[in-house]
Each structure stands twice: as structure tokens, then as C-alpha cells.
Amino acid sequence: MQRETFIVVASLLASLAAPPALAEPVGRVLALAGTASIDRAGQRQPLQAGFEIENGDLIDVGDKSALQVRFADESVVALRANSQLKVQDFRYGRNPDDRSIMALIRGGMRTLTGLIGKGNPRAHIVGNSLATIGIRGTHFTLVACDNDCFNPDGTAAANGLFGGVTDGRISVTNDAGEAEFGQQDYFHVASAATPPERLLAPPAVLNDRALVVRARATQAAADADSRAARAGSTQVSTSPQLSALRLQAAAVQAIRTAIAAGERPGVAAVLAAQTDISVIRARSVHDNGALNPLTESRSMTIRDIKAEVEGVGDKFFYNSATLAVQLAKSRVMDGRPGAGLYWTFEPPTEPGNPTGTHFVFGDTPLVALPGSGTAVYNFVGGTAPTDNLGRTGSLSAGRLGMDFQTRQVKALDPITLQFARQAVVPATGYQVSAGSTWNMGAGAQALSGVQCVGCNGTPQVTVNGRLVGVTLQGYAAAITVQSTIGAASPVNHVAAGVAGFGRQ
């Protein structure tokens, strides 16, 4: 990030009391647990779900509370208790001057970058009195401590700005210079004149469940769930309660069936046999001497997963959410029961698989696909793609359109996989253009019209995806590419990665 950008943000931070530049909504409160308010032009107003946020608003989250805001570019910011965030200058209209400039005054935040950050990373900035954060990726966490942060054992945590990167990269700039941090990197900035310090492990102050706001079902939805459960209805509910009740009812019925057959199963055995998880994975394999990409998609019981997926055989879990928590490396799309979409990566360990294996998974839906209508699913993240040359790349995407009548998936925004130049290997980039379509059903499908920078000839790109979550809340996809790159000494190029999308 250039020095002048830091100066601009610093001047914005010095004028927090300035009136809002625009009087139109730039975001909306997505969920609130506890209490929160805004200071708008000197007037304090309480917040609630659905409240519209404007430029210039100072958001203040109360004690034992948490708040989640979705902005116009589909970015999401989650604020922990006792946090203040100033919306400095947010502009979005798919124009070159789009920008997202915010100031974390105190407390902590977690953000998923939206279309502004994906289209022009330098236009997405978070300022703080100690440093300026420039966004190079999609998912990161910040916590500002000023004698108000504590470790799990009750001792006081160090003051300063703590941060961690879940996906992508960020730059941290202050009077001491600039530093970049990538996926699974953590840092601490002690003062405005102190260089950012890279941490070897996640600082305890970042581990705050309040950063992930769980949307509360309305009383009407809860009542509908209760009535549906009593009547044995199969209606689809937007709240998580009915989904949980269905899972419990299925387990009870399985126990009764087993007992009637003379068996006495334990609860763990019943759950292990009954719960289906959709697993999609991408990797590379040697086949008859040639290296080829491979995508797979299937529904597996927990018993199957224990037998086939390395590293989970010694764990007890009953759905994809609890598996993701125990794997630790996975990323959660949504904290509601059965609504999760998760991904993880296993580095290369077996001969013939130089890319390693990328996994994305979620609970197999308990409802049938609609016969008509459309829906939009927003990109929420994925693994960093890897290739057979030892490079780790970047994956970016926007929205997918689902047409349930034709059973077609359409890329509403481009999907790109990029790998930087390495030694004699040129930079390589693949782009699935907006408008590309594939079938909604699971199975490997070749995509046509894919553009490639650095390739010799036409690249082969394959996607394998399926809808996941008990009520179709997510879409999981594995993506592989294969081409020949390099002009002087052409080499075979194979890459793999997975992506997750959440229903709008």
C-alpha cells in the first residue's frame, strides 16, 4: 500500500465527527444479538435487524452483544461486544471509484470481503489509530486492545492491534513501514511507530465466538417450527430449529427400527450410520503414466468418512459442522445447524498427487430441489488452489445463479485461478467467464470458453459441484485445470481447488 493511502486514511480517522457524505443506505444490519446503536450526525439511534446503515455512521456494539452487517457490495462485517466501527466512505455502483473505507475505533471485527475488495483490493481499507489495513484477500479478523482485552486465564492481554488472515492476503502499514500477511498468518502491532510483529500461533484475543453472529429466528418462525414438528409437516423453514428437530426425529426412528430387529445400538452408532455428508474433492492423480486432475462428489455416511478420509477416524462427530470444528483447518460459512459449508486442504503426502487434496463438504439436503424458480448464491471462500509445480495460487469468484427448472448453474461473475511466476515457469491465470453454465447435478463437467494467460493451446477446466445444507443453503464446487505452459520448455500444468457459495 502506498504511503499516500495511509495519509488519506489517517486524515479520515482524525475527522470521525464529520457528517455523512451521502444520505443513502450503504448496508443493512443482518443480525443482532444483544444491543447496539449508531451515532448519526450527533443523534444516537438503537439498531435492530434490517436497520439501514449510511455513510458516516458510527456503529457501537453493547456489552455481551454481537452484530453483523451486510454492505451493498455483499461484504459482511461481524463486530464483537464493546466494539466501535466508523463507516468512513463507502461507494458501490460497479464503477472505477468504488471504495470501502472504515475505521475500527475499538473492539474486534471479522470481515468477508465483497465485490469491491475482489475487483480492486486497494479500494478496501480498514483504518486504526495504530495501522492501516489494505485488503489483498477475502477473510480476516482484527481486534484492537486498549486495557480491555483478556486471555482465557483472566490475565490482561497486551495492548495494540491483533490480526489474523483466514483467506487471501492483507497489508499492514504504519509509521514503521509495511508488512504483508497471508493465509493462516497472525500479527500484533504494539504502536503506530512499531513494525507489525508476526506471531507463531493465533493470539487468544482473536478467539471470540461473539464475532460470528448467529441469526435469531423470529417468534413467528419458531411458532411455525413448533406447529410443523407437532403435525409431522415436511415444510421448509427458514429458521434452524425445524432442521434440528428433523435430525433428532430421524435418529429416534432409527433406534426404534434397530430395537425392533433385536439390536441394541448406542446413540453414536446410530448417528454414525444415519447422517449423510456431501463430500466434494479435487486432486491430481497419475493415470497410465500421465498426470491428470480428478474431481469427485458423493454422499457419505459418517461411517464411510471415518473409513476413507484420512485424519478423522479417531474423531466423534454427528454432522458436517462438528467435523469441521474438529478438523480445525476448516472454514465455517454459517453457524446454524445443518447450514454449514466447510473446506479444508491436505498437503501432498501420497505418490502421484503433487497438488494435494482439496475438500469442501456440507450436510446432504433433507428437502427436495424446487421444480421451478431461481436463486443467487454468493461466493464465501475456498481453499487456495495448488498446482503440480509446487505453487500456491489464489481463487476468486462472485455469484452463481441457480435455475431450478432447467437444473442449470450459471456464473454471474467470473471465476479465476491465478498462479504467480516462479523461476522459469511463467505466471498462469485461468478465467471462467460470466455466463458460463453447467448442470446442477453432481458429476465432473468440462467447461468451454475458458480464458487462460500463460497457456499453450486450449486449457481443460472441470467443475464438480452440488447443493448442500439441510435446506439447500450452500453450493460446494471442486475445480481442476489442465494445460501446457511455457514457450521455451513447455510443461504440463495441473491445478486443483474448491470453492463454497452461500444462498443470498
Protein backbone atom coordinates (compact mmCIF):
# COMPACT_ATOMS: atom_id res chain seq x y z
CA MET A 1 0.00 0.00 0.00
CA GLN A 2 1.35 3.44 -0.94
CA ARG A 3 2.26 5.94 1.78
CA GLU A 4 -0.24 8.47 0.45
CA THR A 5 -3.06 5.97 1.00
CA PHE A 6 -2.09 5.74 4.67
CA ILE A 7 -2.07 9.55 4.94
CA VAL A 8 -5.56 9.76 3.44
CA VAL A 9 -6.91 7.17 5.87
CA ALA A 10 -5.16 8.84 8.80
CA SER A 11 -6.86 12.12 7.93
CA LEU A 12 -10.19 10.33 7.78
CA LEU A 13 -9.57 8.87 11.23
CA ALA A 14 -8.84 12.36 12.54
CA SER A 15 -12.24 13.60 11.39
CA LEU A 16 -14.58 10.98 12.83
CA ALA A 17 -17.08 13.64 13.82
CA ALA A 18 -17.59 14.76 10.22
CA PRO A 19 -21.18 14.50 8.90
CA PRO A 20 -22.00 11.66 6.48
CA ALA A 21 -21.05 12.37 2.88
CA LEU A 22 -24.06 10.53 1.48
CA ALA A 23 -27.57 10.13 2.84
CA GLU A 24 -28.40 6.84 1.16
CA PRO A 25 -28.12 3.32 2.60
CA VAL A 26 -24.81 1.51 2.06
CA GLY A 27 -25.58 -1.56 4.16
CA ARG A 28 -28.10 -3.29 6.38
CA VAL A 29 -27.96 -4.95 9.80
CA LEU A 30 -28.09 -8.65 9.05
CA ALA A 31 -28.30 -9.96 12.61
CA LEU A 32 -28.05 -8.67 16.17
CA ALA A 33 -27.57 -10.49 19.44
CA GLY A 34 -27.93 -8.12 22.41
CA THR A 35 -27.88 -4.36 21.95
CA ALA A 36 -26.22 -1.94 19.54
CA SER A 37 -26.70 1.62 18.34
CA ILE A 38 -25.42 4.14 15.81
CA ASP A 39 -24.36 7.75 16.15
CA ARG A 40 -25.63 9.54 13.03
CA ALA A 41 -24.87 13.27 12.78
CA GLY A 42 -24.81 13.51 16.57
CA GLN A 43 -28.08 11.62 17.05
CA ARG A 44 -27.96 8.17 18.70
CA GLN A 45 -30.36 5.52 17.41
CA PRO A 46 -30.85 1.91 18.56
CA LEU A 47 -30.17 -0.82 15.99
CA GLN A 48 -32.19 -3.88 15.07
CA ALA A 49 -32.11 -6.45 12.29
CA GLY A 50 -32.92 -4.80 8.97
CA PHE A 51 -31.76 -1.31 10.02
CA GLU A 52 -30.12 0.54 7.13
CA ILE A 53 -26.54 1.81 7.56
CA GLU A 54 -25.35 5.05 5.94
CA ASN A 55 -22.00 6.69 5.28
CA GLY A 56 -20.73 8.48 8.36
CA ASP A 57 -22.49 6.15 10.82
CA LEU A 58 -20.54 5.24 13.96
CA ILE A 59 -21.69 1.72 14.94
CA ASP A 60 -21.46 0.94 18.66
CA VAL A 61 -22.00 -2.64 19.90
CA GLY A 62 -23.00 -3.07 23.53
CA ASP A 63 -21.70 -5.33 26.28
CA LYS A 64 -22.30 -9.09 25.78
CA SER A 65 -23.60 -8.35 22.27
CA ALA A 66 -22.62 -9.01 18.66
CA LEU A 67 -23.66 -7.51 15.34
CA GLN A 68 -23.43 -8.47 11.69
CA VAL A 69 -23.76 -6.01 8.78
CA ARG A 70 -24.01 -6.81 5.06
CA PHE A 71 -22.90 -3.98 2.78
CA ALA A 72 -24.07 -3.17 -0.76
CA ASP A 73 -21.14 -4.99 -2.40
CA GLU A 74 -22.10 -8.18 -0.49
CA SER A 75 -19.23 -7.84 2.00
CA VAL A 76 -20.07 -8.87 5.57
CA VAL A 77 -18.66 -7.36 8.77
CA ALA A 78 -19.20 -9.04 12.16
CA LEU A 79 -18.49 -6.95 15.28
CA ARG A 80 -17.85 -8.35 18.75
CA ALA A 81 -19.09 -6.89 22.05
CA ASN A 82 -17.90 -3.39 23.04
CA SER A 83 -16.74 -2.53 19.51
CA GLN A 84 -16.99 0.69 17.55
CA LEU A 85 -16.74 0.89 13.75
CA LYS A 86 -16.94 4.07 11.67
CA VAL A 87 -18.24 3.80 8.08
CA GLN A 88 -15.99 6.46 6.56
CA ASP A 89 -16.54 6.33 2.82
CA PHE A 90 -18.43 3.50 1.17
CA ARG A 91 -19.34 3.76 -2.50
CA TYR A 92 -20.53 0.94 -4.70
CA GLY A 93 -22.06 1.10 -8.15
CA ARG A 94 -19.74 -1.19 -10.15
CA ASN A 95 -17.70 1.92 -11.02
CA PRO A 96 -13.92 2.57 -11.02
CA ASP A 97 -14.28 4.86 -7.99
CA ASP A 98 -15.97 2.20 -5.82
CA ARG A 99 -14.38 2.10 -2.36
CA SER A 100 -14.83 0.79 1.16
CA ILE A 101 -13.02 2.78 3.86
CA MET A 102 -13.79 2.04 7.51
CA ALA A 103 -12.20 2.74 10.88
CA LEU A 104 -12.07 0.26 13.75
CA ILE A 105 -12.15 2.56 16.78
CA ARG A 106 -12.14 -0.17 19.39
CA GLY A 107 -13.05 -3.83 19.87
CA GLY A 108 -12.90 -6.53 17.23
CA MET A 109 -14.24 -7.33 13.79
CA ARG A 110 -14.24 -10.15 11.28
CA THR A 111 -14.95 -9.47 7.63
CA LEU A 112 -15.65 -11.33 4.41
CA THR A 113 -14.58 -9.07 1.54
CA GLY A 114 -17.24 -8.30 -1.06
CA LEU A 115 -17.12 -7.31 -4.71
CA ILE A 116 -15.19 -4.08 -4.06
CA GLY A 117 -12.30 -5.93 -2.47
CA LYS A 118 -12.34 -8.63 -5.12
CA GLY A 119 -12.45 -6.18 -8.02
CA ASN A 120 -9.98 -3.63 -6.65
CA PRO A 121 -8.26 -4.75 -3.44
CA ARG A 122 -6.62 -1.35 -2.88
CA ALA A 123 -10.07 0.24 -2.63
CA HIS A 124 -10.94 -1.75 0.53
CA ILE A 125 -9.24 -0.28 3.61
CA VAL A 126 -9.70 -0.61 7.36
CA GLY A 127 -8.01 2.09 9.44
CA ASN A 128 -6.98 2.09 13.06
CA SER A 129 -5.01 4.53 15.21
CA LEU A 130 -2.00 2.15 15.09
CA ALA A 131 -2.04 0.94 11.48
CA THR A 132 -3.89 0.86 8.17
CA ILE A 133 -5.05 -2.49 6.78
CA GLY A 134 -5.07 -2.89 2.99
CA ILE A 135 -7.08 -5.82 1.72
CA ARG A 136 -5.50 -8.34 -0.64
CA GLY A 137 -7.92 -11.18 0.10
CA THR A 138 -11.30 -12.21 1.39
CA HIS A 139 -11.41 -13.09 5.08
CA PHE A 140 -9.57 -11.63 8.07
CA THR A 141 -10.03 -10.69 11.74
CA LEU A 142 -8.90 -7.61 13.71
CA VAL A 143 -9.01 -6.87 17.44
CA ALA A 144 -7.91 -3.53 18.94
CA CYS A 145 -6.86 -3.80 22.61
CA ASP A 146 -6.56 -0.82 24.96
CA ASN A 147 -6.56 -2.21 28.51
CA ASP A 148 -9.78 -4.09 27.67
CA CYS A 149 -8.59 -7.48 26.34
CA PHE A 150 -8.03 -10.56 28.48
CA ASN A 151 -6.57 -14.02 28.00
CA PRO A 152 -8.61 -17.17 28.77
CA ASP A 153 -6.92 -17.42 32.20
CA GLY A 154 -8.09 -13.92 33.12
CA THR A 155 -4.75 -12.16 32.74
CA ALA A 156 -4.58 -8.92 30.77
CA ALA A 157 -3.58 -9.23 27.12
CA ALA A 158 -1.05 -6.87 25.58
CA ASN A 159 -2.36 -3.63 24.14
CA GLY A 160 -2.22 -2.96 20.43
CA LEU A 161 -3.80 -4.25 17.23
CA PHE A 162 -4.02 -8.03 16.73
CA GLY A 163 -4.96 -9.65 13.43
CA GLY A 164 -5.23 -12.93 11.60
CA VAL A 165 -5.82 -13.88 7.94
CA THR A 166 -8.16 -16.74 7.13
CA ASP A 167 -8.01 -16.47 3.33
CA GLY A 168 -6.10 -14.24 0.93
CA ARG A 169 -3.59 -11.55 1.96
CA ILE A 170 -3.59 -8.19 3.75
CA SER A 171 -1.01 -5.43 4.11
CA VAL A 172 -0.41 -3.64 7.42
CA THR A 173 1.06 -0.14 7.17
CA ASN A 174 2.08 2.38 9.84
CA ASP A 175 4.91 4.82 10.58
CA ALA A 176 7.37 1.90 10.78
CA GLY A 177 6.64 0.65 7.26
CA GLU A 178 4.55 -2.02 5.56
CA ALA A 179 4.24 -5.79 6.02
CA GLU A 180 2.12 -8.39 4.23
CA PHE A 181 0.44 -11.40 5.82
CA GLY A 182 -1.14 -14.38 4.09
CA GLN A 183 -3.44 -17.27 4.86
CA GLN A 184 -3.12 -18.54 8.47
CA ASP A 185 -0.74 -15.70 9.38
CA TYR A 186 -1.18 -13.75 12.64
CA PHE A 187 0.32 -10.45 13.78
CA HIS A 188 0.48 -7.81 16.52
CA VAL A 189 1.07 -4.06 16.17
CA ALA A 190 2.16 -2.60 19.53
CA SER A 191 2.16 1.08 18.49
CA ALA A 192 1.99 3.35 15.45
CA ALA A 193 5.80 3.53 15.41
CA THR A 194 6.40 -0.22 15.89
CA PRO A 195 6.67 -2.65 12.92
CA PRO A 196 4.00 -5.35 12.81
CA GLU A 197 5.22 -8.49 14.61
CA ARG A 198 4.48 -11.87 13.04
CA LEU A 199 3.08 -14.33 15.61
CA LEU A 200 3.75 -18.07 15.50
CA ALA A 201 0.28 -19.02 16.81
CA PRO A 202 -3.19 -17.43 16.89
CA PRO A 203 -3.41 -14.91 19.77
CA ALA A 204 -6.08 -15.77 22.32
CA VAL A 205 -7.86 -12.42 21.86
CA LEU A 206 -8.90 -13.44 18.33
CA ASN A 207 -10.81 -16.46 19.61
CA ASP A 208 -14.14 -14.85 20.35
CA ARG A 209 -17.34 -16.66 19.48
CA ALA A 210 -19.19 -13.36 19.53
CA LEU A 211 -17.54 -12.44 16.24
CA VAL A 212 -19.79 -14.92 14.47
CA VAL A 213 -23.35 -13.70 14.86
CA ARG A 214 -25.96 -16.39 14.74
CA ALA A 215 -29.18 -15.03 13.30
CA ARG A 216 -32.09 -15.49 15.65
CA ALA A 217 -35.32 -16.94 14.34
CA THR A 218 -38.32 -14.67 14.73
CA GLN A 219 -41.10 -15.73 17.09
CA ALA A 220 -43.32 -16.38 14.09
CA ALA A 221 -40.75 -18.75 12.59
CA ALA A 222 -40.29 -20.51 15.93
CA ASP A 223 -44.06 -20.94 16.28
CA ALA A 224 -44.26 -22.30 12.73
CA ASP A 225 -41.49 -24.78 13.53
CA SER A 226 -43.30 -25.95 16.62
CA ARG A 227 -46.59 -26.44 14.77
CA ALA A 228 -44.84 -28.23 11.89
CA ALA A 229 -42.99 -30.55 14.25
CA ARG A 230 -46.19 -31.49 16.10
CA ALA A 231 -48.01 -32.13 12.83
CA GLY A 232 -45.13 -34.02 11.22
CA SER A 233 -45.03 -31.49 8.37
CA THR A 234 -42.31 -31.55 5.73
CA GLN A 235 -42.49 -27.82 5.05
CA VAL A 236 -39.23 -25.92 4.68
CA SER A 237 -38.50 -23.41 7.43
CA THR A 238 -36.03 -20.52 7.27
CA SER A 239 -35.06 -20.96 10.92
CA PRO A 240 -32.65 -23.68 12.08
CA GLN A 241 -34.96 -25.20 14.67
CA LEU A 242 -37.01 -27.42 12.38
CA SER A 243 -33.88 -28.85 10.75
CA ALA A 244 -32.52 -29.84 14.16
CA LEU A 245 -35.86 -31.42 15.09
CA ARG A 246 -35.85 -33.44 11.88
CA LEU A 247 -32.37 -34.80 12.59
CA GLN A 248 -33.41 -35.76 16.11
CA ALA A 249 -36.59 -37.43 14.87
CA ALA A 250 -34.63 -39.42 12.26
CA ALA A 251 -32.25 -40.69 14.94
CA VAL A 252 -35.13 -41.74 17.21
CA GLN A 253 -36.82 -43.62 14.36
CA ALA A 254 -33.54 -45.37 13.51
CA ILE A 255 -33.16 -46.51 17.13
CA ARG A 256 -36.72 -47.87 17.19
CA THR A 257 -36.16 -49.77 13.93
CA ALA A 258 -32.94 -51.32 15.23
CA ILE A 259 -34.53 -52.36 18.53
CA ALA A 260 -37.44 -53.94 16.66
CA ALA A 261 -34.88 -56.03 14.77
CA GLY A 262 -33.36 -57.27 18.02
CA GLU A 263 -30.39 -54.87 18.10
CA ARG A 264 -29.39 -52.52 20.94
CA PRO A 265 -27.40 -49.79 19.22
CA GLY A 266 -25.75 -46.92 21.03
CA VAL A 267 -26.56 -43.36 20.03
CA ALA A 268 -23.10 -42.89 18.48
CA ALA A 269 -23.57 -45.95 16.27
CA VAL A 270 -26.98 -44.75 15.08
CA LEU A 271 -25.74 -41.29 14.23
CA ALA A 272 -22.66 -42.67 12.52
CA ALA A 273 -24.80 -44.83 10.26
CA GLN A 274 -27.60 -42.35 9.55
CA THR A 275 -26.10 -38.92 8.88
CA ASP A 276 -25.17 -38.15 5.27
CA ILE A 277 -22.48 -35.61 4.40
CA SER A 278 -21.83 -34.44 0.86
CA VAL A 279 -18.09 -34.51 0.18
CA ILE A 280 -16.57 -32.92 -2.94
CA ARG A 281 -12.83 -33.08 -3.50
CA ALA A 282 -10.26 -32.05 -6.11
CA ARG A 283 -6.78 -33.51 -6.55
CA SER A 284 -4.30 -34.81 -9.12
CA VAL A 285 -3.54 -38.44 -9.95
CA HIS A 286 -1.11 -40.38 -12.13
CA ASP A 287 -3.03 -42.49 -14.65
CA ASN A 288 -1.08 -44.73 -17.05
CA GLY A 289 1.99 -42.54 -16.67
CA ALA A 290 0.18 -39.25 -17.25
CA LEU A 291 -0.73 -36.70 -14.57
CA ASN A 292 -4.44 -35.82 -14.63
CA PRO A 293 -6.78 -33.76 -12.46
CA LEU A 294 -9.61 -35.55 -10.67
CA THR A 295 -12.82 -34.27 -9.05
CA GLU A 296 -15.19 -36.43 -7.01
CA SER A 297 -18.60 -35.80 -5.48
CA ARG A 298 -20.59 -38.19 -3.32
CA SER A 299 -22.79 -38.51 -0.25
CA MET A 300 -21.08 -40.38 2.57
CA THR A 301 -22.26 -41.56 5.96
CA ILE A 302 -20.05 -40.72 8.89
CA ARG A 303 -19.05 -44.38 8.98
CA ASP A 304 -17.87 -44.08 5.34
CA ILE A 305 -15.92 -40.90 6.07
CA LYS A 306 -14.15 -42.50 9.01
CA ALA A 307 -13.07 -45.35 6.78
CA GLU A 308 -11.99 -43.33 3.75
CA VAL A 309 -10.91 -39.82 4.77
CA GLU A 310 -7.53 -39.58 6.45
CA GLY A 311 -7.37 -37.89 9.84
CA VAL A 312 -10.96 -38.29 11.02
CA GLY A 313 -11.05 -41.95 12.05
CA ASP A 314 -10.39 -41.13 15.72
CA LYS A 315 -12.95 -38.32 15.97
CA PHE A 316 -16.55 -38.42 17.14
CA PHE A 317 -18.88 -36.20 15.14
CA TYR A 318 -22.50 -36.28 14.09
CA ASN A 319 -22.68 -33.82 11.17
CA SER A 320 -20.50 -31.65 8.96
CA ALA A 321 -20.45 -28.80 11.49
CA THR A 322 -18.91 -30.87 14.27
CA LEU A 323 -16.48 -32.47 11.83
CA ALA A 324 -15.35 -29.02 10.66
CA VAL A 325 -14.77 -27.87 14.23
CA GLN A 326 -12.57 -30.88 15.00
CA LEU A 327 -10.58 -30.57 11.78
CA ALA A 328 -9.69 -27.01 12.89
CA LYS A 329 -8.41 -26.05 9.42
CA SER A 330 -11.93 -25.78 8.00
CA ARG A 331 -13.84 -22.57 7.43
CA VAL A 332 -17.46 -22.12 8.50
CA MET A 333 -19.93 -20.41 6.18
CA ASP A 334 -22.85 -20.34 8.59
CA GLY A 335 -23.10 -21.29 12.26
CA ARG A 336 -26.65 -22.66 12.10
CA PRO A 337 -27.23 -26.42 12.47
CA GLY A 338 -27.06 -28.08 9.08
CA ALA A 339 -26.43 -24.80 7.25
CA GLY A 340 -22.66 -25.02 7.25
CA LEU A 341 -20.36 -25.17 4.27
CA TYR A 342 -16.77 -26.09 5.07
CA TRP A 343 -13.47 -26.61 3.33
CA THR A 344 -10.03 -27.86 4.16
CA PHE A 345 -6.79 -28.88 2.43
CA GLU A 346 -4.42 -31.81 2.85
CA PRO A 347 -0.89 -31.15 1.51
CA PRO A 348 0.69 -33.71 -0.86
CA THR A 349 1.65 -36.87 1.04
CA GLU A 350 0.97 -39.71 -1.42
CA PRO A 351 2.94 -40.53 -4.58
CA GLY A 352 1.23 -39.38 -7.74
CA ASN A 353 -0.70 -36.49 -6.15
CA PRO A 354 1.52 -33.38 -6.32
CA THR A 355 -1.36 -30.92 -5.81
CA GLY A 356 -2.55 -32.39 -2.51
CA THR A 357 -6.27 -32.86 -1.89
CA HIS A 358 -8.84 -30.09 -1.51
CA PHE A 359 -12.09 -30.89 0.33
CA VAL A 360 -15.37 -28.98 0.55
CA PHE A 361 -18.33 -30.53 2.36
CA GLY A 362 -21.70 -29.92 3.98
CA ASP A 363 -24.73 -31.85 5.17
CA THR A 364 -26.69 -33.61 2.44
CA PRO A 365 -30.03 -31.75 1.92
CA LEU A 366 -33.12 -33.10 3.65
CA VAL A 367 -35.50 -31.38 1.22
CA ALA A 368 -36.09 -31.90 -2.49
CA LEU A 369 -34.85 -29.39 -5.04
CA PRO A 370 -37.59 -26.98 -6.13
CA GLY A 371 -39.11 -27.68 -9.53
CA SER A 372 -39.04 -24.04 -10.60
CA GLY A 373 -37.67 -20.63 -9.66
CA THR A 374 -34.19 -19.18 -9.33
CA ALA A 375 -31.77 -18.27 -6.54
CA VAL A 376 -28.44 -16.47 -6.20
CA TYR A 377 -25.53 -17.93 -4.23
CA ASN A 378 -22.66 -15.63 -3.19
CA PHE A 379 -19.02 -16.74 -3.12
CA VAL A 380 -17.92 -17.11 0.52
CA GLY A 381 -14.44 -18.54 0.08
CA GLY A 382 -12.47 -21.69 -0.56
CA THR A 383 -9.04 -23.24 -0.43
CA ALA A 384 -6.03 -21.59 -2.03
CA PRO A 385 -5.53 -23.64 -5.23
CA THR A 386 -2.32 -25.62 -5.68
CA ASP A 387 -0.56 -26.97 -8.77
CA ASN A 388 1.84 -29.73 -9.73
CA LEU A 389 4.74 -27.24 -9.85
CA GLY A 390 4.60 -26.56 -6.11
CA ARG A 391 2.85 -23.20 -6.40
CA THR A 392 0.01 -21.95 -4.21
CA GLY A 393 -2.32 -19.63 -6.09
CA SER A 394 -5.44 -17.59 -5.46
CA LEU A 395 -9.11 -18.26 -6.15
CA SER A 396 -11.72 -15.54 -6.63
CA ALA A 397 -15.35 -15.61 -7.69
CA GLY A 398 -18.60 -13.69 -7.35
CA ARG A 399 -22.12 -15.07 -7.65
CA LEU A 400 -23.76 -18.17 -9.06
CA GLY A 401 -27.31 -18.23 -10.42
CA MET A 402 -29.37 -21.37 -9.88
CA ASP A 403 -32.21 -22.16 -12.28
CA PHE A 404 -34.19 -24.93 -10.59
CA GLN A 405 -36.44 -25.53 -13.61
CA THR A 406 -33.63 -26.22 -16.09
CA ARG A 407 -31.29 -27.55 -13.37
CA GLN A 408 -28.56 -25.22 -14.60
CA VAL A 409 -25.86 -23.30 -12.72
CA LYS A 410 -24.69 -20.02 -14.28
CA ALA A 411 -21.62 -18.00 -13.31
CA LEU A 412 -22.96 -14.47 -12.87
CA ASP A 413 -19.42 -13.19 -12.27
CA PRO A 414 -16.04 -14.54 -13.46
CA ILE A 415 -14.26 -17.32 -11.54
CA THR A 416 -10.46 -17.06 -11.64
CA LEU A 417 -7.49 -19.19 -10.58
CA GLN A 418 -4.12 -17.43 -10.66
CA PHE A 419 -0.53 -18.57 -10.05
CA ALA A 420 2.45 -16.20 -9.84
CA ARG A 421 5.64 -16.58 -11.88
CA GLN A 422 8.18 -18.95 -10.35
CA ALA A 423 11.73 -19.28 -11.68
CA VAL A 424 11.36 -20.21 -15.37
CA VAL A 425 7.66 -21.03 -15.01
CA PRO A 426 5.50 -18.13 -16.25
CA ALA A 427 2.57 -16.61 -14.40
CA THR A 428 -0.58 -18.57 -15.17
CA GLY A 429 -4.20 -17.45 -14.90
CA TYR A 430 -7.49 -19.13 -15.78
CA GLN A 431 -10.85 -17.36 -16.00
CA VAL A 432 -14.29 -18.94 -16.25
CA SER A 433 -16.24 -16.12 -17.87
CA ALA A 434 -19.52 -14.71 -16.59
CA GLY A 435 -22.30 -16.51 -18.42
CA SER A 436 -20.66 -19.95 -18.29
CA THR A 437 -23.11 -22.70 -17.33
CA TRP A 438 -23.02 -26.29 -16.10
CA ASN A 439 -25.52 -28.82 -14.83
CA MET A 440 -26.76 -28.60 -11.24
CA GLY A 441 -26.41 -32.34 -10.72
CA ALA A 442 -23.20 -33.74 -9.24
CA GLY A 443 -20.53 -35.09 -11.56
CA ALA A 444 -17.42 -33.82 -13.33
CA GLN A 445 -18.32 -31.43 -16.16
CA ALA A 446 -15.95 -29.82 -18.65
CA LEU A 447 -16.34 -26.06 -19.16
CA SER A 448 -15.90 -24.41 -22.54
CA GLY A 449 -14.70 -20.94 -23.43
CA VAL A 450 -12.25 -20.67 -20.52
CA GLN A 451 -9.62 -17.98 -20.98
CA CYS A 452 -6.01 -18.57 -19.97
CA VAL A 453 -2.98 -16.31 -19.66
CA GLY A 454 0.31 -18.19 -19.98
CA CYS A 455 -1.15 -21.34 -21.59
CA ASN A 456 -0.20 -23.00 -24.85
CA GLY A 457 -3.41 -24.01 -26.58
CA THR A 458 -6.83 -24.51 -25.04
CA PRO A 459 -7.00 -25.29 -21.30
CA GLN A 460 -9.21 -28.04 -19.90
CA VAL A 461 -11.27 -26.87 -16.92
CA THR A 462 -13.61 -29.14 -14.97
CA VAL A 463 -16.15 -28.34 -12.26
CA ASN A 464 -17.92 -30.78 -9.94
CA GLY A 465 -20.48 -29.37 -7.54
CA ARG A 466 -23.66 -29.95 -5.59
CA LEU A 467 -26.10 -28.14 -3.33
CA VAL A 468 -25.52 -28.79 0.40
CA GLY A 469 -27.08 -27.86 3.76
CA VAL A 470 -30.28 -29.36 5.10
CA THR A 471 -32.39 -26.74 3.30
CA LEU A 472 -30.07 -26.08 0.33
CA GLN A 473 -28.24 -23.16 1.95
CA GLY A 474 -24.92 -23.73 0.21
CA TYR A 475 -23.28 -24.85 -3.01
CA ALA A 476 -19.94 -26.67 -2.94
CA ALA A 477 -17.73 -26.99 -6.01
CA ALA A 478 -14.39 -28.56 -6.90
CA ILE A 479 -12.45 -27.01 -9.78
CA THR A 480 -9.49 -28.50 -11.68
CA VAL A 481 -7.49 -27.21 -14.66
CA GLN A 482 -5.04 -28.80 -17.06
CA SER A 483 -2.94 -27.18 -19.79
CA THR A 484 0.57 -26.82 -21.17
CA ILE A 485 2.53 -23.71 -20.15
CA GLY A 486 5.92 -22.23 -21.01
CA ALA A 487 7.11 -21.36 -24.51
CA ALA A 488 10.76 -22.50 -24.49
CA SER A 489 10.30 -25.69 -22.49
CA PRO A 490 6.57 -26.50 -22.31
CA VAL A 491 5.45 -28.36 -19.20
CA ASN A 492 2.21 -29.99 -18.20
CA HIS A 493 0.21 -27.86 -15.75
CA VAL A 494 -2.41 -29.35 -13.42
CA ALA A 495 -4.11 -27.39 -10.61
CA ALA A 496 -6.93 -28.01 -8.16
CA GLY A 497 -9.05 -26.11 -5.62
CA VAL A 498 -12.51 -25.96 -4.05
CA ALA A 499 -14.98 -23.10 -3.55
CA GLY A 500 -18.09 -22.50 -1.44
CA PHE A 501 -21.14 -20.35 -2.14
CA GLY A 502 -23.93 -19.33 0.25
CA ARG A 503 -27.55 -18.57 -0.64
CA GLN A 504 -28.33 -14.86 -0.86
